[in-house]
Amino acid sequence: MAPKTPEPAPSRGPLVLGALVFVGVIVLAVRAHKEALQSPRFQVDPAQARVSARPSWLPEELAHSLAAHLSERLGEPLSLVDSDELRAWAPLLAEEAWVREVSSLEPVFPGRARVRLSLRRPVLKLDDGYLAADNGQILGSGQVEIEPEPLRLVGAAQEADRRACAQAAAELLPFRDQLSDWGVLIQEVESWGGGRVAFRDARGVVFDWGRPRSANAYAEVDLEPELKIENLLRALEAKPGLVGVGRVELWRAEPTLLPAGG
């Protein structure tokens, strides 16, 4: 009987940016170890990176652009059998400003790898159009639509001030949809020095947020973000629509309403 013609080896598999688990790696790795180190069938090529899952706030166009950018950091194809090679990607990916954490690097035999990344979310938009993350780090140009839109940063020329504004914007982010339902459309954030931060809504009302919790040791005298939001709701109940109000202090135990022009 004529020997069976072996099937041609498939091309190198893609690097998949997403969040799935792998099954049967140990069995396949043992059975294929001898030929796998040099076989394209058991190699992964970063140049073929694609996105399998993304957070809802990240536009598809930006997700694919980010995947392409990250793949450029990873260099040449590698063998999935050599776990050290795959782990070596972690510090390369962690250098990227968008990446908060490399959660996992998983081989998926015969020719894929899954990379799970925790991303930093843009919370600020600078005057030059660049975006900044919750730690104040610059992420890149803001020529994409992200919902809710990152807050416009006013002033904050010093890095420490920008970082405080970014931290406060990140604290506010989970409540912005609720605030919009209450008619409070926050658009800007600015530093008042000493770690203090204030927000401004579409009507020009200023909300004195105080210090973000992670800013410095003095932040412990300020309320938790949830309590600041409760103070804002109490202010709205006391003065519907905040008509005639110019500023609301949120960081104390009781909200303080100051008149416009006062």
C-alpha atoms as a PDB file:
ATOM      1  CA  MET A   1       0.000   0.000   0.000  1.00  0.00           C
ATOM      2  CA  ALA A   2       1.352   3.363  -0.990  1.00  0.00           C
ATOM      3  CA  PRO A   3       2.165   5.605   1.915  1.00  0.00           C
ATOM      4  CA  LYS A   4      -0.416   8.248   2.643  1.00  0.00           C
ATOM      5  CA  THR A   5       0.541  11.664   1.340  1.00  0.00           C
ATOM      6  CA  PRO A   6       0.881  14.013   4.299  1.00  0.00           C
ATOM      7  CA  GLU A   7      -1.403  17.031   4.363  1.00  0.00           C
ATOM      8  CA  PRO A   8       0.369  20.348   3.789  1.00  0.00           C
ATOM      9  CA  ALA A   9       1.028  22.292   6.954  1.00  0.00           C
ATOM     10  CA  PRO A  10      -1.236  25.344   7.307  1.00  0.00           C
ATOM     11  CA  SER A  11       0.190  28.822   7.461  1.00  0.00           C
ATOM     12  CA  ARG A  12       1.116  30.374  10.772  1.00  0.00           C
ATOM     13  CA  GLY A  13      -1.920  31.108  12.849  1.00  0.00           C
ATOM     14  CA  PRO A  14      -3.073  34.512  14.058  1.00  0.00           C
ATOM     15  CA  LEU A  15      -2.484  36.279  17.306  1.00  0.00           C
ATOM     16  CA  VAL A  16      -5.952  36.809  18.744  1.00  0.00           C
ATOM     17  CA  LEU A  17      -6.579  39.683  21.129  1.00  0.00           C
ATOM     18  CA  GLY A  18      -9.473  38.581  23.237  1.00  0.00           C
ATOM     19  CA  ALA A  19     -10.553  36.600  26.261  1.00  0.00           C
ATOM     20  CA  LEU A  20     -11.028  32.828  25.904  1.00  0.00           C
ATOM     21  CA  VAL A  21      -9.503  29.787  27.608  1.00  0.00           C
ATOM     22  CA  PHE A  22      -7.568  26.916  26.056  1.00  0.00           C
ATOM     23  CA  VAL A  23      -8.075  23.181  26.385  1.00  0.00           C
ATOM     24  CA  GLY A  24      -5.774  20.199  25.844  1.00  0.00           C
ATOM     25  CA  VAL A  25      -2.523  22.116  25.579  1.00  0.00           C
ATOM     26  CA  ILE A  26      -0.395  19.646  27.536  1.00  0.00           C
ATOM     27  CA  VAL A  27      -1.461  16.638  25.453  1.00  0.00           C
ATOM     28  CA  LEU A  28      -0.903  18.344  22.132  1.00  0.00           C
ATOM     29  CA  ALA A  29       2.394  19.842  23.253  1.00  0.00           C
ATOM     30  CA  VAL A  30       3.808  16.476  24.287  1.00  0.00           C
ATOM     31  CA  ARG A  31       2.715  14.684  21.129  1.00  0.00           C
ATOM     32  CA  ALA A  32       3.993  17.371  18.814  1.00  0.00           C
ATOM     33  CA  HIS A  33       7.099  18.561  20.615  1.00  0.00           C
ATOM     34  CA  LYS A  34       9.677  17.093  18.241  1.00  0.00           C
ATOM     35  CA  GLU A  35       8.456  18.777  15.090  1.00  0.00           C
ATOM     36  CA  ALA A  36       6.685  21.771  16.535  1.00  0.00           C
ATOM     37  CA  LEU A  37       9.623  24.064  17.275  1.00  0.00           C
ATOM     38  CA  GLN A  38      10.261  24.751  13.581  1.00  0.00           C
ATOM     39  CA  SER A  39       6.908  23.841  12.057  1.00  0.00           C
ATOM     40  CA  PRO A  40       4.721  26.712  10.807  1.00  0.00           C
ATOM     41  CA  ARG A  41       1.791  24.648  12.042  1.00  0.00           C
ATOM     42  CA  PHE A  42       2.810  25.375  15.641  1.00  0.00           C
ATOM     43  CA  GLN A  43       3.917  28.951  15.244  1.00  0.00           C
ATOM     44  CA  VAL A  44       2.039  32.198  15.721  1.00  0.00           C
ATOM     45  CA  ASP A  45       2.633  35.322  13.697  1.00  0.00           C
ATOM     46  CA  PRO A  46       2.007  38.690  15.423  1.00  0.00           C
ATOM     47  CA  ALA A  47       1.530  40.314  12.021  1.00  0.00           C
ATOM     48  CA  GLN A  48      -1.810  38.499  11.778  1.00  0.00           C
ATOM     49  CA  ALA A  49      -3.222  39.987  14.972  1.00  0.00           C
ATOM     50  CA  ARG A  50      -6.968  40.461  15.058  1.00  0.00           C
ATOM     51  CA  VAL A  51      -9.524  41.433  17.688  1.00  0.00           C
ATOM     52  CA  SER A  52     -11.935  38.794  18.971  1.00  0.00           C
ATOM     53  CA  ALA A  53     -13.459  40.866  21.797  1.00  0.00           C
ATOM     54  CA  ARG A  54     -13.361  44.485  22.887  1.00  0.00           C
ATOM     55  CA  PRO A  55     -14.912  46.639  25.628  1.00  0.00           C
ATOM     56  CA  SER A  56     -18.119  48.390  24.638  1.00  0.00           C
ATOM     57  CA  TRP A  57     -16.548  51.852  24.944  1.00  0.00           C
ATOM     58  CA  LEU A  58     -13.735  51.060  22.487  1.00  0.00           C
ATOM     59  CA  PRO A  59     -14.743  51.829  18.865  1.00  0.00           C
ATOM     60  CA  GLU A  60     -14.107  49.023  16.394  1.00  0.00           C
ATOM     61  CA  GLU A  61     -11.837  51.172  14.253  1.00  0.00           C
ATOM     62  CA  LEU A  62      -9.667  52.089  17.235  1.00  0.00           C
ATOM     63  CA  ALA A  63      -9.589  48.471  18.450  1.00  0.00           C
ATOM     64  CA  HIS A  64      -8.190  47.239  15.136  1.00  0.00           C
ATOM     65  CA  SER A  65      -5.720  50.109  14.966  1.00  0.00           C
ATOM     66  CA  LEU A  66      -4.539  49.319  18.487  1.00  0.00           C
ATOM     67  CA  ALA A  67      -4.180  45.616  17.656  1.00  0.00           C
ATOM     68  CA  ALA A  68      -2.019  46.449  14.648  1.00  0.00           C
ATOM     69  CA  HIS A  69       0.096  48.804  16.729  1.00  0.00           C
ATOM     70  CA  LEU A  70       0.602  46.225  19.481  1.00  0.00           C
ATOM     71  CA  SER A  71       1.533  43.501  17.011  1.00  0.00           C
ATOM     72  CA  GLU A  72       4.416  45.646  15.775  1.00  0.00           C
ATOM     73  CA  ARG A  73       5.975  45.409  19.239  1.00  0.00           C
ATOM     74  CA  LEU A  74       6.069  41.617  19.193  1.00  0.00           C
ATOM     75  CA  GLY A  75       8.537  41.012  16.370  1.00  0.00           C
ATOM     76  CA  GLU A  76       8.988  37.699  14.564  1.00  0.00           C
ATOM     77  CA  PRO A  77       6.791  34.573  14.679  1.00  0.00           C
ATOM     78  CA  LEU A  78       7.417  32.267  17.622  1.00  0.00           C
ATOM     79  CA  SER A  79       6.830  28.634  18.519  1.00  0.00           C
ATOM     80  CA  LEU A  80       3.893  27.925  20.797  1.00  0.00           C
ATOM     81  CA  VAL A  81       5.792  24.972  22.241  1.00  0.00           C
ATOM     82  CA  ASP A  82       8.328  27.289  23.890  1.00  0.00           C
ATOM     83  CA  SER A  83       6.342  28.886  26.701  1.00  0.00           C
ATOM     84  CA  ASP A  84       9.225  31.242  27.511  1.00  0.00           C
ATOM     85  CA  GLU A  85       8.904  32.860  24.085  1.00  0.00           C
ATOM     86  CA  LEU A  86       5.207  33.522  24.606  1.00  0.00           C
ATOM     87  CA  ARG A  87       5.757  34.912  28.107  1.00  0.00           C
ATOM     88  CA  ALA A  88       8.385  37.264  26.696  1.00  0.00           C
ATOM     89  CA  TRP A  89       5.577  39.169  25.011  1.00  0.00           C
ATOM     90  CA  ALA A  90       4.195  40.358  28.362  1.00  0.00           C
ATOM     91  CA  PRO A  91       6.766  43.102  29.118  1.00  0.00           C
ATOM     92  CA  LEU A  92       6.672  44.260  25.494  1.00  0.00           C
ATOM     93  CA  LEU A  93       2.912  44.708  25.617  1.00  0.00           C
ATOM     94  CA  ALA A  94       3.033  46.282  29.087  1.00  0.00           C
ATOM     95  CA  GLU A  95       5.181  49.118  27.729  1.00  0.00           C
ATOM     96  CA  GLU A  96       2.234  50.367  25.680  1.00  0.00           C
ATOM     97  CA  ALA A  97       0.426  53.319  27.290  1.00  0.00           C
ATOM     98  CA  TRP A  98      -3.002  51.842  26.498  1.00  0.00           C
ATOM     99  CA  VAL A  99      -2.250  48.617  28.401  1.00  0.00           C
ATOM    100  CA  ARG A 100      -3.039  48.601  32.119  1.00  0.00           C
ATOM    101  CA  GLU A 101      -2.235  44.914  32.571  1.00  0.00           C
ATOM    102  CA  VAL A 102      -1.376  41.845  30.507  1.00  0.00           C
ATOM    103  CA  SER A 103      -3.952  39.502  32.015  1.00  0.00           C
ATOM    104  CA  SER A 104      -3.007  36.315  30.172  1.00  0.00           C
ATOM    105  CA  LEU A 105      -1.003  34.861  27.276  1.00  0.00           C
ATOM    106  CA  GLU A 106      -2.383  31.508  26.185  1.00  0.00           C
ATOM    107  CA  PRO A 107      -1.302  29.115  23.409  1.00  0.00           C
ATOM    108  CA  VAL A 108      -4.179  27.640  21.401  1.00  0.00           C
ATOM    109  CA  PHE A 109      -2.826  24.725  19.403  1.00  0.00           C
ATOM    110  CA  PRO A 110      -2.108  24.087  16.668  1.00  0.00           C
ATOM    111  CA  GLY A 111      -1.363  27.656  15.616  1.00  0.00           C
ATOM    112  CA  ARG A 112      -2.924  30.462  17.608  1.00  0.00           C
ATOM    113  CA  ALA A 113      -2.334  32.495  20.742  1.00  0.00           C
ATOM    114  CA  ARG A 114      -4.851  34.417  22.814  1.00  0.00           C
ATOM    115  CA  VAL A 115      -3.762  37.613  24.478  1.00  0.00           C
ATOM    116  CA  ARG A 116      -6.003  39.148  27.109  1.00  0.00           C
ATOM    117  CA  LEU A 117      -5.284  42.766  27.927  1.00  0.00           C
ATOM    118  CA  SER A 118      -6.777  45.168  30.447  1.00  0.00           C
ATOM    119  CA  LEU A 119      -6.836  48.568  28.761  1.00  0.00           C
ATOM    120  CA  ARG A 120      -6.681  52.066  30.154  1.00  0.00           C
ATOM    121  CA  ARG A 121      -9.762  54.060  29.282  1.00  0.00           C
ATOM    122  CA  PRO A 122      -9.399  57.636  28.028  1.00  0.00           C
ATOM    123  CA  VAL A 123     -10.976  60.088  30.480  1.00  0.00           C
ATOM    124  CA  LEU A 124      -9.437  63.419  29.406  1.00  0.00           C
ATOM    125  CA  LYS A 125      -9.137  65.310  26.153  1.00  0.00           C
ATOM    126  CA  LEU A 126      -6.332  67.838  26.015  1.00  0.00           C
ATOM    127  CA  ASP A 127      -6.291  71.114  24.094  1.00  0.00           C
ATOM    128  CA  ASP A 128      -4.062  69.598  21.413  1.00  0.00           C
ATOM    129  CA  GLY A 129      -6.601  66.829  20.790  1.00  0.00           C
ATOM    130  CA  TYR A 130      -4.674  64.089  22.570  1.00  0.00           C
ATOM    131  CA  LEU A 131      -6.332  61.752  25.051  1.00  0.00           C
ATOM    132  CA  ALA A 132      -5.169  60.911  28.576  1.00  0.00           C
ATOM    133  CA  ALA A 133      -5.909  57.877  30.741  1.00  0.00           C
ATOM    134  CA  ASP A 134      -6.943  57.703  34.393  1.00  0.00           C
ATOM    135  CA  ASN A 135      -3.301  57.961  35.495  1.00  0.00           C
ATOM    136  CA  GLY A 136      -2.746  61.080  33.386  1.00  0.00           C
ATOM    137  CA  GLN A 137      -0.657  59.232  30.801  1.00  0.00           C
ATOM    138  CA  ILE A 138      -1.029  60.408  27.214  1.00  0.00           C
ATOM    139  CA  LEU A 139      -2.625  57.764  25.001  1.00  0.00           C
ATOM    140  CA  GLY A 140      -2.638  59.344  21.563  1.00  0.00           C
ATOM    141  CA  SER A 141      -4.774  61.425  19.256  1.00  0.00           C
ATOM    142  CA  GLY A 142      -8.467  61.766  19.999  1.00  0.00           C
ATOM    143  CA  GLN A 143      -9.690  61.584  16.408  1.00  0.00           C
ATOM    144  CA  VAL A 144     -12.219  58.890  17.343  1.00  0.00           C
ATOM    145  CA  GLU A 145     -15.576  58.976  19.081  1.00  0.00           C
ATOM    146  CA  ILE A 146     -15.696  57.445  22.551  1.00  0.00           C
ATOM    147  CA  GLU A 147     -18.844  57.432  24.666  1.00  0.00           C
ATOM    148  CA  PRO A 148     -19.100  59.109  27.017  1.00  0.00           C
ATOM    149  CA  GLU A 149     -16.757  61.644  25.511  1.00  0.00           C
ATOM    150  CA  PRO A 150     -13.584  62.257  27.550  1.00  0.00           C
ATOM    151  CA  LEU A 151     -13.765  65.483  29.544  1.00  0.00           C
ATOM    152  CA  ARG A 152     -11.979  68.543  28.210  1.00  0.00           C
ATOM    153  CA  LEU A 153      -9.032  69.428  30.423  1.00  0.00           C
ATOM    154  CA  VAL A 154      -8.799  73.105  31.356  1.00  0.00           C
ATOM    155  CA  GLY A 155      -5.428  74.414  32.495  1.00  0.00           C
ATOM    156  CA  ALA A 156      -3.483  71.818  34.515  1.00  0.00           C
ATOM    157  CA  ALA A 157      -0.146  72.626  32.920  1.00  0.00           C
ATOM    158  CA  GLN A 158       1.754  70.596  35.511  1.00  0.00           C
ATOM    159  CA  GLU A 159       1.872  66.816  35.242  1.00  0.00           C
ATOM    160  CA  ALA A 160       0.701  66.381  38.847  1.00  0.00           C
ATOM    161  CA  ASP A 161      -2.340  68.577  38.160  1.00  0.00           C
ATOM    162  CA  ARG A 162      -3.189  66.632  35.017  1.00  0.00           C
ATOM    163  CA  ARG A 163      -2.886  63.383  36.937  1.00  0.00           C
ATOM    164  CA  ALA A 164      -5.235  64.635  39.676  1.00  0.00           C
ATOM    165  CA  CYS A 165      -7.784  65.709  37.042  1.00  0.00           C
ATOM    166  CA  ALA A 166      -7.505  62.333  35.325  1.00  0.00           C
ATOM    167  CA  GLN A 167      -8.029  60.462  38.601  1.00  0.00           C
ATOM    168  CA  ALA A 168     -11.073  62.584  39.440  1.00  0.00           C
ATOM    169  CA  ALA A 169     -12.489  62.101  35.929  1.00  0.00           C
ATOM    170  CA  ALA A 170     -12.103  58.341  36.360  1.00  0.00           C
ATOM    171  CA  GLU A 171     -13.969  58.524  39.692  1.00  0.00           C
ATOM    172  CA  LEU A 172     -16.795  60.446  38.023  1.00  0.00           C
ATOM    173  CA  LEU A 173     -16.999  58.192  34.951  1.00  0.00           C
ATOM    174  CA  PRO A 174     -19.300  55.480  36.394  1.00  0.00           C
ATOM    175  CA  PHE A 175     -21.867  58.155  37.315  1.00  0.00           C
ATOM    176  CA  ARG A 176     -21.915  60.222  34.128  1.00  0.00           C
ATOM    177  CA  ASP A 177     -24.907  58.477  32.546  1.00  0.00           C
ATOM    178  CA  GLN A 178     -26.878  58.925  35.767  1.00  0.00           C
ATOM    179  CA  LEU A 179     -25.878  62.578  35.955  1.00  0.00           C
ATOM    180  CA  SER A 180     -27.034  63.079  32.364  1.00  0.00           C
ATOM    181  CA  ASP A 181     -30.428  61.660  33.330  1.00  0.00           C
ATOM    182  CA  TRP A 182     -30.523  64.297  36.083  1.00  0.00           C
ATOM    183  CA  GLY A 183     -29.746  67.010  33.542  1.00  0.00           C
ATOM    184  CA  VAL A 184     -26.135  67.488  34.631  1.00  0.00           C
ATOM    185  CA  LEU A 185     -23.924  67.206  31.534  1.00  0.00           C
ATOM    186  CA  ILE A 186     -20.330  67.387  32.744  1.00  0.00           C
ATOM    187  CA  GLN A 187     -18.016  68.647  30.004  1.00  0.00           C
ATOM    188  CA  GLU A 188     -14.849  70.023  31.597  1.00  0.00           C
ATOM    189  CA  VAL A 189     -12.453  69.339  34.429  1.00  0.00           C
ATOM    190  CA  GLU A 190      -9.841  71.678  35.872  1.00  0.00           C
ATOM    191  CA  SER A 191      -7.234  71.715  38.615  1.00  0.00           C
ATOM    192  CA  TRP A 192      -7.523  74.144  41.514  1.00  0.00           C
ATOM    193  CA  GLY A 193      -4.089  73.256  42.843  1.00  0.00           C
ATOM    194  CA  GLY A 194      -3.086  71.202  45.843  1.00  0.00           C
ATOM    195  CA  GLY A 195      -4.731  68.144  44.307  1.00  0.00           C
ATOM    196  CA  ARG A 196      -8.183  69.776  44.257  1.00  0.00           C
ATOM    197  CA  VAL A 197     -10.310  69.324  41.156  1.00  0.00           C
ATOM    198  CA  ALA A 198     -13.532  70.857  39.870  1.00  0.00           C
ATOM    199  CA  PHE A 199     -15.948  69.890  37.098  1.00  0.00           C
ATOM    200  CA  ARG A 200     -18.063  72.198  34.936  1.00  0.00           C
ATOM    201  CA  ASP A 201     -21.310  71.279  33.210  1.00  0.00           C
ATOM    202  CA  ALA A 202     -22.876  72.540  29.988  1.00  0.00           C
ATOM    203  CA  ARG A 203     -24.640  75.388  31.857  1.00  0.00           C
ATOM    204  CA  GLY A 204     -21.419  76.600  33.444  1.00  0.00           C
ATOM    205  CA  VAL A 205     -22.184  75.313  36.949  1.00  0.00           C
ATOM    206  CA  VAL A 206     -18.986  74.361  38.777  1.00  0.00           C
ATOM    207  CA  PHE A 207     -18.840  71.267  40.976  1.00  0.00           C
ATOM    208  CA  ASP A 208     -16.049  71.352  43.543  1.00  0.00           C
ATOM    209  CA  TRP A 209     -15.017  67.697  43.691  1.00  0.00           C
ATOM    210  CA  GLY A 210     -12.197  68.189  46.167  1.00  0.00           C
ATOM    211  CA  ARG A 211      -9.354  65.698  45.911  1.00  0.00           C
ATOM    212  CA  PRO A 212      -9.551  62.318  44.189  1.00  0.00           C
ATOM    213  CA  ARG A 213      -9.076  59.463  46.643  1.00  0.00           C
ATOM    214  CA  SER A 214      -5.794  58.336  45.095  1.00  0.00           C
ATOM    215  CA  ALA A 215      -4.294  61.823  44.755  1.00  0.00           C
ATOM    216  CA  ASN A 216      -2.478  62.292  48.063  1.00  0.00           C
ATOM    217  CA  ALA A 217      -2.674  61.736  51.810  1.00  0.00           C
ATOM    218  CA  TYR A 218      -4.961  64.729  52.324  1.00  0.00           C
ATOM    219  CA  ALA A 219      -7.657  63.094  50.186  1.00  0.00           C
ATOM    220  CA  GLU A 220      -8.758  61.077  53.226  1.00  0.00           C
ATOM    221  CA  VAL A 221     -10.600  64.147  54.530  1.00  0.00           C
ATOM    222  CA  ASP A 222     -12.763  64.176  51.396  1.00  0.00           C
ATOM    223  CA  LEU A 223     -15.848  62.029  50.897  1.00  0.00           C
ATOM    224  CA  GLU A 224     -15.905  58.859  48.815  1.00  0.00           C
ATOM    225  CA  PRO A 225     -17.023  59.441  45.188  1.00  0.00           C
ATOM    226  CA  GLU A 226     -20.402  57.802  45.841  1.00  0.00           C
ATOM    227  CA  LEU A 227     -21.093  60.235  48.691  1.00  0.00           C
ATOM    228  CA  LYS A 228     -20.097  63.194  46.532  1.00  0.00           C
ATOM    229  CA  ILE A 229     -22.663  62.077  43.975  1.00  0.00           C
ATOM    230  CA  GLU A 230     -25.257  61.764  46.739  1.00  0.00           C
ATOM    231  CA  ASN A 231     -24.448  65.350  47.711  1.00  0.00           C
ATOM    232  CA  LEU A 232     -24.997  66.431  44.119  1.00  0.00           C
ATOM    233  CA  LEU A 233     -28.413  64.753  44.137  1.00  0.00           C
ATOM    234  CA  ARG A 234     -29.263  66.508  47.399  1.00  0.00           C
ATOM    235  CA  ALA A 235     -28.262  69.806  45.815  1.00  0.00           C
ATOM    236  CA  LEU A 236     -30.581  69.124  42.887  1.00  0.00           C
ATOM    237  CA  GLU A 237     -33.419  68.309  45.251  1.00  0.00           C
ATOM    238  CA  ALA A 238     -32.826  71.527  47.200  1.00  0.00           C
ATOM    239  CA  LYS A 239     -32.495  73.631  44.041  1.00  0.00           C
ATOM    240  CA  PRO A 240     -34.171  71.952  41.041  1.00  0.00           C
ATOM    241  CA  GLY A 241     -32.168  72.465  37.873  1.00  0.00           C
ATOM    242  CA  LEU A 242     -29.585  74.331  39.991  1.00  0.00           C
ATOM    243  CA  VAL A 243     -31.162  77.548  38.724  1.00  0.00           C
ATOM    244  CA  GLY A 244     -29.151  80.528  39.939  1.00  0.00           C
ATOM    245  CA  VAL A 245     -26.387  78.275  41.321  1.00  0.00           C
ATOM    246  CA  GLY A 246     -22.831  78.975  40.265  1.00  0.00           C
ATOM    247  CA  ARG A 247     -20.930  76.434  42.347  1.00  0.00           C
ATOM    248  CA  VAL A 248     -21.649  73.332  44.410  1.00  0.00           C
ATOM    249  CA  GLU A 249     -19.151  72.002  46.932  1.00  0.00           C
ATOM    250  CA  LEU A 250     -19.444  68.213  46.985  1.00  0.00           C
ATOM    251  CA  TRP A 251     -16.521  67.006  49.061  1.00  0.00           C
ATOM    252  CA  ARG A 252     -17.791  68.023  52.510  1.00  0.00           C
ATOM    253  CA  ALA A 253     -20.312  66.160  54.654  1.00  0.00           C
ATOM    254  CA  GLU A 254     -23.045  68.576  53.514  1.00  0.00           C
ATOM    255  CA  PRO A 255     -23.279  70.081  50.006  1.00  0.00           C
ATOM    256  CA  THR A 256     -22.794  73.821  49.804  1.00  0.00           C
ATOM    257  CA  LEU A 257     -24.564  75.815  47.086  1.00  0.00           C
ATOM    258  CA  LEU A 258     -23.090  79.167  46.098  1.00  0.00           C
ATOM    259  CA  PRO A 259     -24.987  81.623  43.896  1.00  0.00           C
ATOM    260  CA  ALA A 260     -23.944  82.404  40.353  1.00  0.00           C
ATOM    261  CA  GLY A 261     -21.856  85.535  40.216  1.00  0.00           C
ATOM    262  CA  GLY A 262     -21.170  85.321  43.939  1.00  0.00           C
END
